[in-house]
Amino acid sequence: MNKFCKILIINSSLVSLLLIIAYISIIKLRIEYKYKNSDELNNMLDEFLTKQHVNSLYQ
C-alpha cells in the first residue's frame, strides 16, 4: 500500500507538472499571436496614414 501511494504521488506530481508546462506554453502562444496581430495592424495603419498623407499633399 505504501508503494502504491508513492507511485500515485509521483504520477500526480508529473501530471501537474505537465499541466503547468502546457498552460505556460498556451499563454506564450497567445502572447506571440497577440503581438503578431498588433504588428500587422500597425503596418496596415502606417500604410493607410502614409497614403492619406500623400493624397493630402497632392490635393
Protein backbone atom coordinates (compact mmCIF):
# COMPACT_ATOMS: atom_id res chain seq x y z
CA MET A 1 0.00 0.00 0.00
CA ASN A 2 2.85 2.36 0.83
CA LYS A 3 4.50 1.72 -2.54
CA PHE A 4 1.18 2.36 -4.29
CA CYS A 5 0.82 5.72 -2.52
CA LYS A 6 4.34 6.76 -3.57
CA ILE A 7 3.62 5.84 -7.20
CA LEU A 8 0.33 7.75 -7.04
CA ILE A 9 2.03 10.84 -5.61
CA ILE A 10 4.78 10.71 -8.27
CA ASN A 11 2.22 10.30 -11.06
CA SER A 12 0.04 13.13 -9.80
CA SER A 13 3.03 15.45 -9.48
CA LEU A 14 4.15 14.56 -13.02
CA VAL A 15 0.67 15.25 -14.35
CA SER A 16 0.50 18.59 -12.56
CA LEU A 17 3.95 19.49 -13.92
CA LEU A 18 2.79 18.66 -17.45
CA LEU A 19 -0.34 20.76 -16.96
CA ILE A 20 1.74 23.71 -15.77
CA ILE A 21 4.05 23.38 -18.81
CA ALA A 22 1.05 23.20 -21.15
CA TYR A 23 -0.56 26.24 -19.51
CA ILE A 24 2.66 28.28 -19.81
CA SER A 25 3.10 27.32 -23.47
CA ILE A 26 -0.52 28.26 -24.24
CA ILE A 27 -0.02 31.65 -22.59
CA LYS A 28 3.22 32.13 -24.56
CA LEU A 29 1.48 31.27 -27.84
CA ARG A 30 -1.38 33.65 -27.07
CA ILE A 31 1.07 36.48 -26.33
CA GLU A 32 3.02 35.81 -29.55
CA TYR A 33 -0.24 35.72 -31.56
CA LYS A 34 -1.41 38.95 -29.96
CA TYR A 35 1.83 40.78 -30.74
CA LYS A 36 1.95 39.35 -34.27
CA ASN A 37 -1.54 40.65 -34.96
CA SER A 38 -0.77 44.05 -33.48
CA ASP A 39 2.34 44.32 -35.71
CA GLU A 40 0.23 43.55 -38.78
CA LEU A 41 -2.38 46.05 -37.64
CA ASN A 42 0.27 48.72 -37.05
CA ASN A 43 1.75 48.12 -40.51
CA MET A 44 -1.67 48.44 -42.12
CA LEU A 45 -2.35 51.61 -40.13
CA ASP A 46 1.03 53.08 -41.15
CA GLU A 47 0.32 52.29 -44.80
CA PHE A 48 -3.11 53.88 -44.61
CA LEU A 49 -1.84 57.02 -42.87
CA THR A 50 1.05 57.36 -45.34
CA LYS A 51 -1.36 57.08 -48.28
CA GLN A 52 -3.67 59.64 -46.70
CA HIS A 53 -0.74 61.99 -46.12
CA VAL A 54 0.48 61.62 -49.72
CA ASN A 55 -3.05 62.14 -51.04
CA SER A 56 -3.48 65.28 -48.94
CA LEU A 57 -0.19 66.66 -50.32
CA TYR A 58 -1.41 66.27 -53.90
CA GLN A 59 -4.80 67.89 -53.29
